[in-house]
Amino acid sequence: MTAVVQDRYGPAPEGLLRLARVEVPTVADDEVLVRTHASSIDRGTWHIMSGLPYPIRLAGFGARRPKYLNPGRALAGTVEAVGAAVSGLARGYAVYGTGTSTFAEHAVAPADQLAPKPANLSFDQAAAVPVSGLTALQAVREHGRVRAGQRVLVVGASGGVGSFAVQIAVADGAAVTAVCSAGKASMVRALGVDAVVDYTREDFVDAGPFDLVLDIGGNASLSRLRRALTPRGRLVIVGGETDGRWLGGSDRQLRAKVLSPFVGQRLGTFVASENSADLETLRGLAEDGAVTPVVDRTYPLADVVPAIRHLLDGRARGKVVVTVLDDARPVTPRSTP
């Protein structure tokens, strides 16, 4: 098969990622071989590609060199083969979820990280959902505990996770204020928010107080984020990037968790769980029309390098998708994984 290949870690995709012909991977008993129709890129793609911050290497991605063929994680495609212990899936079924080395014509995924593809989404659209959509769903509902009528602030609303978080919070009846640049405001307004704050000209603290603040990819200080909250509000730090090789911006998350037991506000962070149950929830939201992936651009597999560069340069509005195959006639499964 044709796949993107990475032999070493590096901070930039140029000269690091290349196309090659490799063997089709085999599956373990609890895994599924997926014929990849599309994948997508998120900030985690860069972390896996660069091996930064360093703790990500100890999290199973390879201490000295990459463990996996390439840094792709999200996928949408059709089932090619299933392991002996897998039930509910069969060859030809259309699925989406997370796997390993998904910038390739075939990829392996754990069965419990797949779900039937939303029937109303194309493969390109479905591939945009898994990593960012799962993170957004868990941020809004599990950790943010959003309720109808609450005021919610989403910092970084124009990105992949942010665009999903905004739509989920709106679907749950919250009044959402989105923070983004002026150039991306019209896209964010179309997602149903109540107000948009241009961070280049306004301070989101002045728009508060909010019952829930989701900080997605921002770098505001912890004290400033707290000033935007009600006395009993919740702060969920989903991201926040710096150039630090050891913490990479996670120091705010650590300080938030340490401080939280001593103040009235609930301050925290989390690591997203990749699981089929939440993918099923997202499938329902998509098929009900409550959530629609915002796809900024699609690139062919051969152009993974410029696709990652587009994201790293901060130009993306929503998700960047990599199209691998577009000629399938999928079968919709009758049962879930």
C-alpha atoms as a PDB file:
ATOM      1  CA  MET A   1       0.000   0.000   0.000  1.00  0.00           C
ATOM      2  CA  THR A   2       0.952   3.669  -0.228  1.00  0.00           C
ATOM      3  CA  ALA A   3       1.564   5.408   3.080  1.00  0.00           C
ATOM      4  CA  VAL A   4       3.201   8.450   4.599  1.00  0.00           C
ATOM      5  CA  VAL A   5       6.394   7.383   6.362  1.00  0.00           C
ATOM      6  CA  GLN A   6       8.358   9.035   9.174  1.00  0.00           C
ATOM      7  CA  ASP A   7      11.707   7.660  10.384  1.00  0.00           C
ATOM      8  CA  ARG A   8      12.671  10.278  12.964  1.00  0.00           C
ATOM      9  CA  TYR A   9      11.182  13.066  15.067  1.00  0.00           C
ATOM     10  CA  GLY A  10      11.293  16.642  13.844  1.00  0.00           C
ATOM     11  CA  PRO A  11       9.515  19.966  14.461  1.00  0.00           C
ATOM     12  CA  ALA A  12       8.583  20.609  10.806  1.00  0.00           C
ATOM     13  CA  PRO A  13       6.966  18.246   8.283  1.00  0.00           C
ATOM     14  CA  GLU A  14       9.188  19.426   5.418  1.00  0.00           C
ATOM     15  CA  GLY A  15      11.919  16.863   4.789  1.00  0.00           C
ATOM     16  CA  LEU A  16      10.518  14.627   7.523  1.00  0.00           C
ATOM     17  CA  LEU A  17       7.449  12.960   5.989  1.00  0.00           C
ATOM     18  CA  ARG A  18       7.509  11.131   2.673  1.00  0.00           C
ATOM     19  CA  LEU A  19       5.374   8.746   0.626  1.00  0.00           C
ATOM     20  CA  ALA A  20       6.476   5.120   0.352  1.00  0.00           C
ATOM     21  CA  ARG A  21       5.200   1.678  -0.575  1.00  0.00           C
ATOM     22  CA  VAL A  22       4.908  -0.507   2.539  1.00  0.00           C
ATOM     23  CA  GLU A  23       3.227  -3.730   3.589  1.00  0.00           C
ATOM     24  CA  VAL A  24      -0.438  -3.681   4.575  1.00  0.00           C
ATOM     25  CA  PRO A  25      -0.585  -4.038   8.391  1.00  0.00           C
ATOM     26  CA  THR A  26      -2.025  -7.115  10.078  1.00  0.00           C
ATOM     27  CA  VAL A  27      -4.606  -7.023  12.850  1.00  0.00           C
ATOM     28  CA  ALA A  28      -4.666  -8.470  16.350  1.00  0.00           C
ATOM     29  CA  ASP A  29      -7.742 -10.261  17.714  1.00  0.00           C
ATOM     30  CA  ASP A  30      -9.357  -7.045  18.987  1.00  0.00           C
ATOM     31  CA  GLU A  31      -8.450  -4.871  16.010  1.00  0.00           C
ATOM     32  CA  VAL A  32      -9.926  -3.888  12.661  1.00  0.00           C
ATOM     33  CA  LEU A  33      -8.177  -3.242   9.355  1.00  0.00           C
ATOM     34  CA  VAL A  34      -9.758  -0.195   7.735  1.00  0.00           C
ATOM     35  CA  ARG A  35      -9.405   0.834   4.121  1.00  0.00           C
ATOM     36  CA  THR A  36      -8.809   4.514   4.728  1.00  0.00           C
ATOM     37  CA  HIS A  37     -10.897   6.942   2.727  1.00  0.00           C
ATOM     38  CA  ALA A  38      -9.920  10.037   4.697  1.00  0.00           C
ATOM     39  CA  SER A  39      -7.987  11.170   7.738  1.00  0.00           C
ATOM     40  CA  SER A  40      -7.612  14.558   9.403  1.00  0.00           C
ATOM     41  CA  ILE A  41      -5.001  16.720  11.056  1.00  0.00           C
ATOM     42  CA  ASP A  42      -5.079  18.286  14.502  1.00  0.00           C
ATOM     43  CA  ARG A  43      -2.549  19.762  16.876  1.00  0.00           C
ATOM     44  CA  GLY A  44      -1.872  16.289  18.232  1.00  0.00           C
ATOM     45  CA  THR A  45      -0.566  15.339  14.780  1.00  0.00           C
ATOM     46  CA  TRP A  46       2.293  17.772  15.313  1.00  0.00           C
ATOM     47  CA  HIS A  47       2.997  16.488  18.837  1.00  0.00           C
ATOM     48  CA  ILE A  48       3.278  12.901  17.592  1.00  0.00           C
ATOM     49  CA  MET A  49       5.353  13.974  14.582  1.00  0.00           C
ATOM     50  CA  SER A  50       7.766  16.099  16.604  1.00  0.00           C
ATOM     51  CA  GLY A  51       7.872  14.006  19.769  1.00  0.00           C
ATOM     52  CA  LEU A  52       7.285  17.207  21.754  1.00  0.00           C
ATOM     53  CA  PRO A  53       6.832  17.866  24.537  1.00  0.00           C
ATOM     54  CA  TYR A  54       9.067  14.980  25.600  1.00  0.00           C
ATOM     55  CA  PRO A  55       6.516  13.210  27.849  1.00  0.00           C
ATOM     56  CA  ILE A  56       4.547  12.223  24.734  1.00  0.00           C
ATOM     57  CA  ARG A  57       7.390   9.872  23.834  1.00  0.00           C
ATOM     58  CA  LEU A  58       6.998   8.099  27.160  1.00  0.00           C
ATOM     59  CA  ALA A  59       3.246   7.844  26.566  1.00  0.00           C
ATOM     60  CA  GLY A  60       3.854   5.106  24.015  1.00  0.00           C
ATOM     61  CA  PHE A  61       4.857   6.890  20.824  1.00  0.00           C
ATOM     62  CA  GLY A  62       8.557   5.947  20.921  1.00  0.00           C
ATOM     63  CA  ALA A  63      11.350   7.210  23.152  1.00  0.00           C
ATOM     64  CA  ARG A  64      14.122   7.741  20.599  1.00  0.00           C
ATOM     65  CA  ARG A  65      12.313   7.453  17.292  1.00  0.00           C
ATOM     66  CA  PRO A  66       8.664   7.208  16.222  1.00  0.00           C
ATOM     67  CA  LYS A  67       7.006   3.916  17.079  1.00  0.00           C
ATOM     68  CA  TYR A  68       4.410   4.227  14.344  1.00  0.00           C
ATOM     69  CA  LEU A  69       4.676   4.606  10.584  1.00  0.00           C
ATOM     70  CA  ASN A  70       3.235   8.139  10.578  1.00  0.00           C
ATOM     71  CA  PRO A  71       1.467  10.538  12.967  1.00  0.00           C
ATOM     72  CA  GLY A  72      -2.087  10.090  11.610  1.00  0.00           C
ATOM     73  CA  ARG A  73      -4.769   9.144  14.161  1.00  0.00           C
ATOM     74  CA  ALA A  74      -8.273   9.994  12.894  1.00  0.00           C
ATOM     75  CA  LEU A  75      -9.898   8.028  10.090  1.00  0.00           C
ATOM     76  CA  ALA A  76     -13.049   7.268   8.170  1.00  0.00           C
ATOM     77  CA  GLY A  77     -13.255   4.330   5.813  1.00  0.00           C
ATOM     78  CA  THR A  78     -14.549   0.844   5.154  1.00  0.00           C
ATOM     79  CA  VAL A  79     -13.748  -2.323   7.063  1.00  0.00           C
ATOM     80  CA  GLU A  80     -11.331  -4.578   5.198  1.00  0.00           C
ATOM     81  CA  ALA A  81     -10.812  -7.279   7.857  1.00  0.00           C
ATOM     82  CA  VAL A  82     -11.579  -7.908  11.531  1.00  0.00           C
ATOM     83  CA  GLY A  83      -9.762  -9.714  14.312  1.00  0.00           C
ATOM     84  CA  ALA A  84     -11.045 -12.987  15.765  1.00  0.00           C
ATOM     85  CA  ALA A  85     -12.543 -11.297  18.856  1.00  0.00           C
ATOM     86  CA  VAL A  86     -14.336  -8.480  16.990  1.00  0.00           C
ATOM     87  CA  SER A  87     -18.124  -8.588  16.664  1.00  0.00           C
ATOM     88  CA  GLY A  88     -20.625  -6.184  15.105  1.00  0.00           C
ATOM     89  CA  LEU A  89     -18.380  -5.241  12.191  1.00  0.00           C
ATOM     90  CA  ALA A  90     -17.758  -6.933   8.871  1.00  0.00           C
ATOM     91  CA  ARG A  91     -15.976  -6.289   5.607  1.00  0.00           C
ATOM     92  CA  GLY A  92     -17.425  -3.300   3.748  1.00  0.00           C
ATOM     93  CA  TYR A  93     -18.994  -1.550   6.729  1.00  0.00           C
ATOM     94  CA  ALA A  94     -18.497   2.210   6.825  1.00  0.00           C
ATOM     95  CA  VAL A  95     -16.812   3.312  10.066  1.00  0.00           C
ATOM     96  CA  TYR A  96     -15.015   6.230  11.642  1.00  0.00           C
ATOM     97  CA  GLY A  97     -12.820   6.613  14.705  1.00  0.00           C
ATOM     98  CA  THR A  98      -9.174   6.550  15.734  1.00  0.00           C
ATOM     99  CA  GLY A  99      -6.351   4.235  14.838  1.00  0.00           C
ATOM    100  CA  THR A 100      -2.626   4.315  14.167  1.00  0.00           C
ATOM    101  CA  SER A 101      -0.714   5.552  11.118  1.00  0.00           C
ATOM    102  CA  THR A 102      -3.884   6.660   9.336  1.00  0.00           C
ATOM    103  CA  PHE A 103      -2.084   8.658   6.634  1.00  0.00           C
ATOM    104  CA  ALA A 104      -2.134   5.479   4.556  1.00  0.00           C
ATOM    105  CA  GLU A 105      -4.362   3.429   2.269  1.00  0.00           C
ATOM    106  CA  HIS A 106      -4.980   0.960   5.108  1.00  0.00           C
ATOM    107  CA  ALA A 107      -4.819   1.493   8.863  1.00  0.00           C
ATOM    108  CA  VAL A 108      -5.352  -0.595  11.989  1.00  0.00           C
ATOM    109  CA  ALA A 109      -7.770   0.562  14.689  1.00  0.00           C
ATOM    110  CA  PRO A 110      -8.917  -0.997  17.973  1.00  0.00           C
ATOM    111  CA  ALA A 111     -12.515  -2.135  17.584  1.00  0.00           C
ATOM    112  CA  ASP A 112     -13.537  -0.171  20.683  1.00  0.00           C
ATOM    113  CA  GLN A 113     -12.336   3.059  19.048  1.00  0.00           C
ATOM    114  CA  LEU A 114     -14.616   2.742  16.012  1.00  0.00           C
ATOM    115  CA  ALA A 115     -18.292   3.385  15.356  1.00  0.00           C
ATOM    116  CA  PRO A 116     -20.568   3.410  12.301  1.00  0.00           C
ATOM    117  CA  LYS A 117     -19.955   6.475  10.149  1.00  0.00           C
ATOM    118  CA  PRO A 118     -22.721   9.123  10.402  1.00  0.00           C
ATOM    119  CA  ALA A 119     -24.998   8.401   7.461  1.00  0.00           C
ATOM    120  CA  ASN A 120     -25.349  12.047   6.458  1.00  0.00           C
ATOM    121  CA  LEU A 121     -21.608  12.799   6.391  1.00  0.00           C
ATOM    122  CA  SER A 122     -19.145  12.150   3.597  1.00  0.00           C
ATOM    123  CA  PHE A 123     -15.982  10.263   4.423  1.00  0.00           C
ATOM    124  CA  ASP A 124     -14.059  13.543   4.373  1.00  0.00           C
ATOM    125  CA  GLN A 125     -16.491  15.095   6.857  1.00  0.00           C
ATOM    126  CA  ALA A 126     -16.555  12.009   9.078  1.00  0.00           C
ATOM    127  CA  ALA A 127     -12.751  11.906   9.257  1.00  0.00           C
ATOM    128  CA  ALA A 128     -12.812  15.410  10.717  1.00  0.00           C
ATOM    129  CA  VAL A 129     -14.799  14.273  13.747  1.00  0.00           C
ATOM    130  CA  PRO A 130     -12.988  11.622  15.842  1.00  0.00           C
ATOM    131  CA  VAL A 131     -10.090  13.340  17.641  1.00  0.00           C
ATOM    132  CA  SER A 132     -11.438  16.898  17.801  1.00  0.00           C
ATOM    133  CA  GLY A 133     -15.085  15.924  18.218  1.00  0.00           C
ATOM    134  CA  LEU A 134     -14.363  13.497  21.051  1.00  0.00           C
ATOM    135  CA  THR A 135     -12.275  16.100  22.854  1.00  0.00           C
ATOM    136  CA  ALA A 136     -14.988  18.737  22.456  1.00  0.00           C
ATOM    137  CA  LEU A 137     -17.794  16.417  23.590  1.00  0.00           C
ATOM    138  CA  GLN A 138     -15.952  15.383  26.734  1.00  0.00           C
ATOM    139  CA  ALA A 139     -14.906  18.965  27.484  1.00  0.00           C
ATOM    140  CA  VAL A 140     -18.440  20.332  27.222  1.00  0.00           C
ATOM    141  CA  ARG A 141     -20.464  17.548  28.797  1.00  0.00           C
ATOM    142  CA  GLU A 142     -18.295  15.350  31.001  1.00  0.00           C
ATOM    143  CA  HIS A 143     -15.913  17.954  32.410  1.00  0.00           C
ATOM    144  CA  GLY A 144     -17.748  21.221  31.748  1.00  0.00           C
ATOM    145  CA  ARG A 145     -21.127  19.748  32.807  1.00  0.00           C
ATOM    146  CA  VAL A 146     -22.898  22.349  30.707  1.00  0.00           C
ATOM    147  CA  ARG A 147     -26.604  22.932  31.323  1.00  0.00           C
ATOM    148  CA  ALA A 148     -29.267  24.762  29.372  1.00  0.00           C
ATOM    149  CA  GLY A 149     -29.289  28.480  30.093  1.00  0.00           C
ATOM    150  CA  GLN A 150     -25.670  28.670  31.236  1.00  0.00           C
ATOM    151  CA  ARG A 151     -23.228  31.203  29.816  1.00  0.00           C
ATOM    152  CA  VAL A 152     -20.280  29.514  28.133  1.00  0.00           C
ATOM    153  CA  LEU A 153     -17.061  31.065  26.820  1.00  0.00           C
ATOM    154  CA  VAL A 154     -15.064  29.139  24.212  1.00  0.00           C
ATOM    155  CA  VAL A 155     -11.529  30.455  23.728  1.00  0.00           C
ATOM    156  CA  GLY A 156     -10.175  29.196  20.396  1.00  0.00           C
ATOM    157  CA  ALA A 157     -13.602  28.708  18.860  1.00  0.00           C
ATOM    158  CA  SER A 158     -12.450  28.688  15.235  1.00  0.00           C
ATOM    159  CA  GLY A 159     -10.220  25.619  15.475  1.00  0.00           C
ATOM    160  CA  GLY A 160     -11.055  21.953  15.165  1.00  0.00           C
ATOM    161  CA  VAL A 161     -11.974  21.289  18.799  1.00  0.00           C
ATOM    162  CA  GLY A 162     -13.441  24.765  19.247  1.00  0.00           C
ATOM    163  CA  SER A 163     -15.834  24.515  16.309  1.00  0.00           C
ATOM    164  CA  PHE A 164     -17.222  21.246  17.692  1.00  0.00           C
ATOM    165  CA  ALA A 165     -17.382  22.558  21.278  1.00  0.00           C
ATOM    166  CA  VAL A 166     -19.365  25.605  20.196  1.00  0.00           C
ATOM    167  CA  GLN A 167     -21.935  23.488  18.365  1.00  0.00           C
ATOM    168  CA  ILE A 168     -22.320  20.969  21.191  1.00  0.00           C
ATOM    169  CA  ALA A 169     -22.770  23.715  23.803  1.00  0.00           C
ATOM    170  CA  VAL A 170     -25.345  25.459  21.592  1.00  0.00           C
ATOM    171  CA  ALA A 171     -27.172  22.144  21.071  1.00  0.00           C
ATOM    172  CA  ASP A 172     -27.279  21.711  24.850  1.00  0.00           C
ATOM    173  CA  GLY A 173     -29.007  25.085  25.277  1.00  0.00           C
ATOM    174  CA  ALA A 174     -26.095  27.223  26.443  1.00  0.00           C
ATOM    175  CA  ALA A 175     -25.561  30.863  25.520  1.00  0.00           C
ATOM    176  CA  VAL A 176     -22.130  30.734  23.869  1.00  0.00           C
ATOM    177  CA  THR A 177     -19.599  33.527  23.485  1.00  0.00           C
ATOM    178  CA  ALA A 178     -16.790  32.620  21.089  1.00  0.00           C
ATOM    179  CA  VAL A 179     -13.246  34.014  21.086  1.00  0.00           C
ATOM    180  CA  CYS A 180     -11.387  34.124  17.765  1.00  0.00           C
ATOM    181  CA  SER A 181      -9.774  36.553  15.339  1.00  0.00           C
ATOM    182  CA  ALA A 182     -11.828  38.960  13.246  1.00  0.00           C
ATOM    183  CA  GLY A 183     -11.018  37.061  10.064  1.00  0.00           C
ATOM    184  CA  LYS A 184     -12.664  33.903  11.391  1.00  0.00           C
ATOM    185  CA  ALA A 185     -15.626  35.565  13.107  1.00  0.00           C
ATOM    186  CA  SER A 186     -18.148  35.025  10.306  1.00  0.00           C
ATOM    187  CA  MET A 187     -17.475  31.282  10.268  1.00  0.00           C
ATOM    188  CA  VAL A 188     -17.905  31.072  14.031  1.00  0.00           C
ATOM    189  CA  ARG A 189     -21.115  33.148  14.008  1.00  0.00           C
ATOM    190  CA  ALA A 190     -22.603  30.663  11.555  1.00  0.00           C
ATOM    191  CA  LEU A 191     -22.290  27.981  14.243  1.00  0.00           C
ATOM    192  CA  GLY A 192     -25.015  29.632  16.321  1.00  0.00           C
ATOM    193  CA  VAL A 193     -23.078  31.553  18.974  1.00  0.00           C
ATOM    194  CA  ASP A 194     -24.616  34.488  20.814  1.00  0.00           C
ATOM    195  CA  ALA A 195     -21.543  36.719  20.615  1.00  0.00           C
ATOM    196  CA  VAL A 196     -18.013  36.809  19.212  1.00  0.00           C
ATOM    197  CA  VAL A 197     -15.010  38.419  20.898  1.00  0.00           C
ATOM    198  CA  ASP A 198     -12.097  39.461  18.673  1.00  0.00           C
ATOM    199  CA  TYR A 199      -9.106  38.674  20.863  1.00  0.00           C
ATOM    200  CA  THR A 200      -6.905  41.116  18.949  1.00  0.00           C
ATOM    201  CA  ARG A 201      -9.074  44.055  20.013  1.00  0.00           C
ATOM    202  CA  GLU A 202     -11.143  43.003  23.037  1.00  0.00           C
ATOM    203  CA  ASP A 203     -10.635  41.308  26.387  1.00  0.00           C
ATOM    204  CA  PHE A 204     -12.922  38.326  26.888  1.00  0.00           C
ATOM    205  CA  VAL A 205     -12.928  38.988  30.637  1.00  0.00           C
ATOM    206  CA  ASP A 206     -15.088  42.054  29.964  1.00  0.00           C
ATOM    207  CA  ALA A 207     -17.756  39.833  28.390  1.00  0.00           C
ATOM    208  CA  GLY A 208     -18.166  37.722  31.550  1.00  0.00           C
ATOM    209  CA  PRO A 209     -18.825  36.348  33.991  1.00  0.00           C
ATOM    210  CA  PHE A 210     -19.388  32.872  32.573  1.00  0.00           C
ATOM    211  CA  ASP A 211     -20.572  29.636  34.147  1.00  0.00           C
ATOM    212  CA  LEU A 212     -18.111  27.664  32.018  1.00  0.00           C
ATOM    213  CA  VAL A 213     -14.899  28.673  30.281  1.00  0.00           C
ATOM    214  CA  LEU A 214     -13.347  26.274  27.778  1.00  0.00           C
ATOM    215  CA  ASP A 215      -9.805  27.312  26.959  1.00  0.00           C
ATOM    216  CA  ILE A 216      -8.918  25.505  23.748  1.00  0.00           C
ATOM    217  CA  GLY A 217      -5.474  26.262  22.418  1.00  0.00           C
ATOM    218  CA  GLY A 218      -5.216  29.594  24.174  1.00  0.00           C
ATOM    219  CA  ASN A 219      -2.415  30.917  26.331  1.00  0.00           C
ATOM    220  CA  ALA A 220      -4.216  33.270  28.713  1.00  0.00           C
ATOM    221  CA  SER A 221      -2.955  33.240  32.288  1.00  0.00           C
ATOM    222  CA  LEU A 222      -4.809  31.189  34.858  1.00  0.00           C
ATOM    223  CA  SER A 223      -5.672  34.319  36.843  1.00  0.00           C
ATOM    224  CA  ARG A 224      -7.200  35.963  33.768  1.00  0.00           C
ATOM    225  CA  LEU A 225      -9.280  32.903  32.974  1.00  0.00           C
ATOM    226  CA  ARG A 226     -10.547  32.847  36.544  1.00  0.00           C
ATOM    227  CA  ARG A 227     -11.620  36.486  36.293  1.00  0.00           C
ATOM    228  CA  ALA A 228     -13.915  35.491  33.430  1.00  0.00           C
ATOM    229  CA  LEU A 229     -15.716  32.951  35.654  1.00  0.00           C
ATOM    230  CA  THR A 230     -18.553  33.273  38.128  1.00  0.00           C
ATOM    231  CA  PRO A 231     -17.557  32.526  41.733  1.00  0.00           C
ATOM    232  CA  ARG A 232     -18.765  28.921  41.275  1.00  0.00           C
ATOM    233  CA  GLY A 233     -17.936  28.579  37.602  1.00  0.00           C
ATOM    234  CA  ARG A 234     -15.945  25.859  35.874  1.00  0.00           C
ATOM    235  CA  LEU A 235     -12.745  26.184  33.875  1.00  0.00           C
ATOM    236  CA  VAL A 236     -11.694  23.384  31.537  1.00  0.00           C
ATOM    237  CA  ILE A 237      -8.296  23.877  29.929  1.00  0.00           C
ATOM    238  CA  VAL A 238      -8.304  21.769  26.792  1.00  0.00           C
ATOM    239  CA  GLY A 239      -5.117  23.058  25.220  1.00  0.00           C
ATOM    240  CA  GLY A 240      -2.566  25.787  25.275  1.00  0.00           C
ATOM    241  CA  GLU A 241       0.607  25.680  23.297  1.00  0.00           C
ATOM    242  CA  THR A 242       4.090  26.974  23.992  1.00  0.00           C
ATOM    243  CA  ASP A 243       7.491  25.989  22.646  1.00  0.00           C
ATOM    244  CA  GLY A 244       8.464  24.244  25.867  1.00  0.00           C
ATOM    245  CA  ARG A 245      10.089  20.881  25.229  1.00  0.00           C
ATOM    246  CA  TRP A 246       9.181  19.445  28.638  1.00  0.00           C
ATOM    247  CA  LEU A 247       5.775  20.900  29.523  1.00  0.00           C
ATOM    248  CA  GLY A 248       4.669  22.422  26.211  1.00  0.00           C
ATOM    249  CA  GLY A 249       2.215  24.760  27.920  1.00  0.00           C
ATOM    250  CA  SER A 250       0.788  22.183  30.325  1.00  0.00           C
ATOM    251  CA  ASP A 251       2.026  24.106  33.367  1.00  0.00           C
ATOM    252  CA  ARG A 252      -1.284  26.005  33.464  1.00  0.00           C
ATOM    253  CA  GLN A 253      -3.178  22.727  33.604  1.00  0.00           C
ATOM    254  CA  LEU A 254      -1.023  21.505  36.464  1.00  0.00           C
ATOM    255  CA  ARG A 255      -1.451  24.735  38.430  1.00  0.00           C
ATOM    256  CA  ALA A 256      -5.204  24.684  37.824  1.00  0.00           C
ATOM    257  CA  LYS A 257      -5.550  21.191  39.281  1.00  0.00           C
ATOM    258  CA  VAL A 258      -3.442  22.111  42.307  1.00  0.00           C
ATOM    259  CA  LEU A 259      -5.419  25.291  42.983  1.00  0.00           C
ATOM    260  CA  SER A 260      -8.911  23.916  42.393  1.00  0.00           C
ATOM    261  CA  PRO A 261      -9.491  22.293  45.846  1.00  0.00           C
ATOM    262  CA  PHE A 262      -8.783  25.624  47.576  1.00  0.00           C
ATOM    263  CA  VAL A 263     -11.167  27.915  45.650  1.00  0.00           C
ATOM    264  CA  GLY A 264     -14.878  27.997  44.907  1.00  0.00           C
ATOM    265  CA  GLN A 265     -14.341  27.655  41.180  1.00  0.00           C
ATOM    266  CA  ARG A 266     -13.741  24.237  39.628  1.00  0.00           C
ATOM    267  CA  LEU A 267     -10.498  24.361  37.654  1.00  0.00           C
ATOM    268  CA  GLY A 268      -9.155  21.464  35.664  1.00  0.00           C
ATOM    269  CA  THR A 269      -8.092  19.697  32.531  1.00  0.00           C
ATOM    270  CA  PHE A 270      -8.287  16.190  31.100  1.00  0.00           C
ATOM    271  CA  VAL A 271      -6.898  13.776  28.547  1.00  0.00           C
ATOM    272  CA  ALA A 272      -9.508  12.818  25.984  1.00  0.00           C
ATOM    273  CA  SER A 273     -10.712   9.213  25.894  1.00  0.00           C
ATOM    274  CA  GLU A 274     -11.007   7.583  22.473  1.00  0.00           C
ATOM    275  CA  ASN A 275     -14.010   5.287  22.645  1.00  0.00           C
ATOM    276  CA  SER A 276     -16.872   4.033  20.505  1.00  0.00           C
ATOM    277  CA  ALA A 277     -19.611   5.120  22.945  1.00  0.00           C
ATOM    278  CA  ASP A 278     -18.782   8.807  22.513  1.00  0.00           C
ATOM    279  CA  LEU A 279     -18.394   8.303  18.760  1.00  0.00           C
ATOM    280  CA  GLU A 280     -21.953   6.963  18.796  1.00  0.00           C
ATOM    281  CA  THR A 281     -23.079  10.112  20.613  1.00  0.00           C
ATOM    282  CA  LEU A 282     -21.354  12.260  18.005  1.00  0.00           C
ATOM    283  CA  ARG A 283     -22.944  10.205  15.253  1.00  0.00           C
ATOM    284  CA  GLY A 284     -26.367  10.983  16.733  1.00  0.00           C
ATOM    285  CA  LEU A 285     -25.589  14.693  16.964  1.00  0.00           C
ATOM    286  CA  ALA A 286     -24.397  14.711  13.351  1.00  0.00           C
ATOM    287  CA  GLU A 287     -27.391  12.794  12.005  1.00  0.00           C
ATOM    288  CA  ASP A 288     -29.764  15.062  13.955  1.00  0.00           C
ATOM    289  CA  GLY A 289     -28.134  18.106  12.354  1.00  0.00           C
ATOM    290  CA  ALA A 290     -26.898  19.499  15.686  1.00  0.00           C
ATOM    291  CA  VAL A 291     -23.224  19.143  14.759  1.00  0.00           C
ATOM    292  CA  THR A 292     -21.670  19.592  11.315  1.00  0.00           C
ATOM    293  CA  PRO A 293     -17.893  19.298  10.851  1.00  0.00           C
ATOM    294  CA  VAL A 294     -16.322  22.540   9.669  1.00  0.00           C
ATOM    295  CA  VAL A 295     -13.838  21.468   6.994  1.00  0.00           C
ATOM    296  CA  ASP A 296     -11.459  24.231   5.998  1.00  0.00           C
ATOM    297  CA  ARG A 297      -9.514  22.420   3.280  1.00  0.00           C
ATOM    298  CA  THR A 298      -8.929  18.938   1.924  1.00  0.00           C
ATOM    299  CA  TYR A 299      -5.566  17.688   0.661  1.00  0.00           C
ATOM    300  CA  PRO A 300      -4.630  14.474  -1.150  1.00  0.00           C
ATOM    301  CA  LEU A 301      -2.441  11.955   0.653  1.00  0.00           C
ATOM    302  CA  ALA A 302       0.591  13.117  -1.315  1.00  0.00           C
ATOM    303  CA  ASP A 303       0.170  16.609   0.175  1.00  0.00           C
ATOM    304  CA  VAL A 304       0.243  15.748   3.872  1.00  0.00           C
ATOM    305  CA  VAL A 305       3.236  18.049   4.347  1.00  0.00           C
ATOM    306  CA  PRO A 306       1.482  21.235   3.105  1.00  0.00           C
ATOM    307  CA  ALA A 307      -1.660  20.135   4.979  1.00  0.00           C
ATOM    308  CA  ILE A 308       0.224  20.042   8.285  1.00  0.00           C
ATOM    309  CA  ARG A 309       1.960  23.307   7.436  1.00  0.00           C
ATOM    310  CA  HIS A 310      -1.431  24.960   6.834  1.00  0.00           C
ATOM    311  CA  LEU A 311      -2.499  23.983  10.353  1.00  0.00           C
ATOM    312  CA  LEU A 312       0.791  24.981  11.990  1.00  0.00           C
ATOM    313  CA  ASP A 313       0.694  28.409  10.355  1.00  0.00           C
ATOM    314  CA  GLY A 314      -2.642  29.123  12.065  1.00  0.00           C
ATOM    315  CA  ARG A 315      -4.604  29.594   8.869  1.00  0.00           C
ATOM    316  CA  ALA A 316      -7.101  26.785   9.320  1.00  0.00           C
ATOM    317  CA  ARG A 317     -10.762  27.465  10.072  1.00  0.00           C
ATOM    318  CA  GLY A 318     -12.100  24.255  11.525  1.00  0.00           C
ATOM    319  CA  LYS A 319     -10.544  21.021  10.336  1.00  0.00           C
ATOM    320  CA  VAL A 320      -7.937  20.101   7.742  1.00  0.00           C
ATOM    321  CA  VAL A 321      -8.741  16.786   6.024  1.00  0.00           C
ATOM    322  CA  VAL A 322      -6.542  14.379   4.069  1.00  0.00           C
ATOM    323  CA  THR A 323      -8.419  12.488   1.354  1.00  0.00           C
ATOM    324  CA  VAL A 324      -7.020   9.032   0.639  1.00  0.00           C
ATOM    325  CA  LEU A 325      -9.776   7.271  -1.317  1.00  0.00           C
ATOM    326  CA  ASP A 326     -13.131   8.508  -2.563  1.00  0.00           C
ATOM    327  CA  ASP A 327     -14.647   5.695  -4.641  1.00  0.00           C
ATOM    328  CA  ALA A 328     -16.246   3.448  -2.005  1.00  0.00           C
ATOM    329  CA  ARG A 329     -19.784   2.154  -1.787  1.00  0.00           C
ATOM    330  CA  PRO A 330     -20.010   1.414   1.950  1.00  0.00           C
ATOM    331  CA  VAL A 331     -22.389  -0.858   3.807  1.00  0.00           C
ATOM    332  CA  THR A 332     -23.967   0.592   6.958  1.00  0.00           C
ATOM    333  CA  PRO A 333     -23.628  -1.795   9.930  1.00  0.00           C
ATOM    334  CA  ARG A 334     -26.708  -2.911  11.816  1.00  0.00           C
ATOM    335  CA  SER A 335     -24.950  -3.062  15.158  1.00  0.00           C
ATOM    336  CA  THR A 336     -22.255  -1.078  16.879  1.00  0.00           C
ATOM    337  CA  PRO A 337     -18.709  -2.301  17.659  1.00  0.00           C
END
